[in-house]
Amino acid sequence: MISIYKTGGANDYDHKQIILQHYLYLVEHLNTNSSGLVDELSQAKVISKQDRDRITSEMSVFMQNAKLLSVLSHKTKDKFDKFLNALDKTGQQHLHNHILGRKGKLFNDNVLFI
């Protein structure tokens, strides 16, 4: 188990590190298009139209997922939070739960467990 120390309040964590830690699982299990995830992220202004076009232009689902994760790693933490919400809205709660961990919480005291 890897721990990442948070730097402040309950919503302060390194989303880039979370993406790295869960990258392989997410790239294999995300459902970017048929679930409506990319559209949801675009509507929520998490990704730009250009980001959306770059993601959907990839030929394979694997590469679309990889591109989405790359784009998300360059966004703000607030946009990553919207991504987590979008997972729920598009029927991918299992991925949100995977990121949160077994207990369904990002934090345990001052340590984030991944």
Protein backbone atom coordinates (compact mmCIF):
# COMPACT_ATOMS: atom_id res chain seq x y z
CA MET A 1 0.00 0.00 0.00
CA ILE A 2 1.33 3.41 -0.97
CA SER A 3 0.55 6.48 1.07
CA ILE A 4 0.52 10.06 -0.08
CA TYR A 5 0.49 12.71 2.60
CA LYS A 6 -2.06 15.36 2.01
CA THR A 7 -0.98 18.93 2.35
CA GLY A 8 -4.06 20.52 3.87
CA GLY A 9 -7.78 19.96 4.19
CA ALA A 10 -9.84 16.87 3.44
CA ASN A 11 -10.09 17.73 -0.25
CA ASP A 12 -6.40 18.48 -0.73
CA TYR A 13 -4.59 15.62 -2.44
CA ASP A 14 -2.33 15.12 -5.44
CA HIS A 15 -4.66 14.02 -8.23
CA LYS A 16 -1.71 13.52 -10.59
CA GLN A 17 -0.26 10.95 -8.21
CA ILE A 18 -3.65 9.24 -7.98
CA ILE A 19 -3.81 8.99 -11.78
CA LEU A 20 -0.30 7.51 -11.85
CA GLN A 21 -1.05 4.99 -9.11
CA HIS A 22 -4.24 3.78 -10.82
CA TYR A 23 -3.15 4.30 -14.42
CA LEU A 24 -3.00 0.68 -15.57
CA TYR A 25 -6.34 -0.22 -14.01
CA LEU A 26 -8.05 2.87 -15.39
CA VAL A 27 -6.59 2.61 -18.88
CA GLU A 28 -7.89 -0.96 -19.10
CA HIS A 29 -11.33 -0.39 -17.52
CA LEU A 30 -12.52 3.11 -18.39
CA ASN A 31 -15.41 3.32 -20.82
CA THR A 32 -14.78 6.65 -22.53
CA ASN A 33 -17.26 6.80 -25.40
CA SER A 34 -20.17 4.39 -25.18
CA SER A 35 -20.79 5.40 -21.56
CA GLY A 36 -20.96 9.08 -22.49
CA LEU A 37 -18.01 9.90 -20.22
CA VAL A 38 -16.20 12.10 -22.75
CA ASP A 39 -19.40 14.00 -23.50
CA GLU A 40 -20.12 14.40 -19.78
CA LEU A 41 -16.61 15.76 -19.18
CA SER A 42 -16.97 18.15 -22.09
CA GLN A 43 -20.34 19.43 -20.88
CA ALA A 44 -18.95 19.88 -17.36
CA LYS A 45 -16.07 21.88 -18.88
CA VAL A 46 -13.51 19.44 -17.50
CA ILE A 47 -12.08 19.01 -20.98
CA SER A 48 -12.10 21.42 -23.91
CA LYS A 49 -13.55 20.68 -27.34
CA GLN A 50 -9.98 20.23 -28.58
CA ASP A 51 -9.28 17.74 -25.77
CA ARG A 52 -12.50 15.91 -26.65
CA ASP A 53 -11.51 15.72 -30.32
CA ARG A 54 -8.00 14.44 -29.47
CA ILE A 55 -9.45 11.75 -27.19
CA THR A 56 -12.15 10.56 -29.58
CA SER A 57 -9.80 10.57 -32.60
CA GLU A 58 -7.77 7.74 -31.09
CA MET A 59 -8.49 4.44 -32.85
CA SER A 60 -8.65 2.10 -29.87
CA VAL A 61 -10.48 2.38 -26.56
CA PHE A 62 -7.17 1.74 -24.80
CA MET A 63 -5.57 4.73 -26.51
CA GLN A 64 -8.66 6.89 -25.87
CA ASN A 65 -8.38 6.03 -22.18
CA ALA A 66 -4.66 6.77 -22.17
CA LYS A 67 -5.26 10.15 -23.85
CA LEU A 68 -8.03 11.02 -21.37
CA LEU A 69 -5.80 10.21 -18.40
CA SER A 70 -3.01 12.27 -19.91
CA VAL A 71 -5.36 15.22 -20.37
CA LEU A 72 -6.71 14.87 -16.82
CA SER A 73 -3.21 14.83 -15.35
CA HIS A 74 -2.74 18.37 -16.70
CA LYS A 75 -6.02 19.68 -15.30
CA THR A 76 -6.75 21.11 -11.87
CA LYS A 77 -7.77 19.08 -8.84
CA ASP A 78 -11.25 20.56 -9.10
CA LYS A 79 -11.58 19.19 -12.61
CA PHE A 80 -10.37 15.80 -11.38
CA ASP A 81 -13.14 15.89 -8.77
CA LYS A 82 -15.62 16.54 -11.59
CA PHE A 83 -14.13 13.55 -13.41
CA LEU A 84 -14.87 11.38 -10.36
CA ASN A 85 -18.45 12.67 -10.35
CA ALA A 86 -18.71 11.99 -14.08
CA LEU A 87 -17.72 8.38 -13.46
CA ASP A 88 -20.76 8.04 -11.20
CA LYS A 89 -23.05 9.77 -13.71
CA THR A 90 -21.96 7.44 -16.51
CA GLY A 91 -22.41 4.17 -14.61
CA GLN A 92 -18.76 3.69 -13.73
CA GLN A 93 -19.03 3.91 -9.96
CA HIS A 94 -16.82 0.83 -9.67
CA LEU A 95 -13.91 2.89 -11.03
CA HIS A 96 -14.64 5.73 -8.62
CA ASN A 97 -14.76 3.16 -5.80
CA HIS A 98 -11.48 1.64 -6.97
CA ILE A 99 -9.81 5.04 -6.80
CA LEU A 100 -11.28 5.72 -3.37
CA GLY A 101 -10.15 2.38 -2.01
CA ARG A 102 -11.90 -0.34 -0.04
CA LYS A 103 -13.30 1.92 2.64
CA GLY A 104 -14.71 4.40 0.14
CA LYS A 105 -12.66 7.27 1.53
CA LEU A 106 -9.71 9.05 0.02
CA PHE A 107 -8.29 9.86 3.42
CA ASN A 108 -7.53 8.23 6.71
CA ASP A 109 -6.34 10.96 9.08
CA ASN A 110 -3.46 12.71 7.25
CA VAL A 111 -2.60 9.94 4.82
CA LEU A 112 -4.15 9.11 1.47
CA PHE A 113 -4.10 5.36 0.85
CA ILE A 114 -3.95 4.08 -2.70
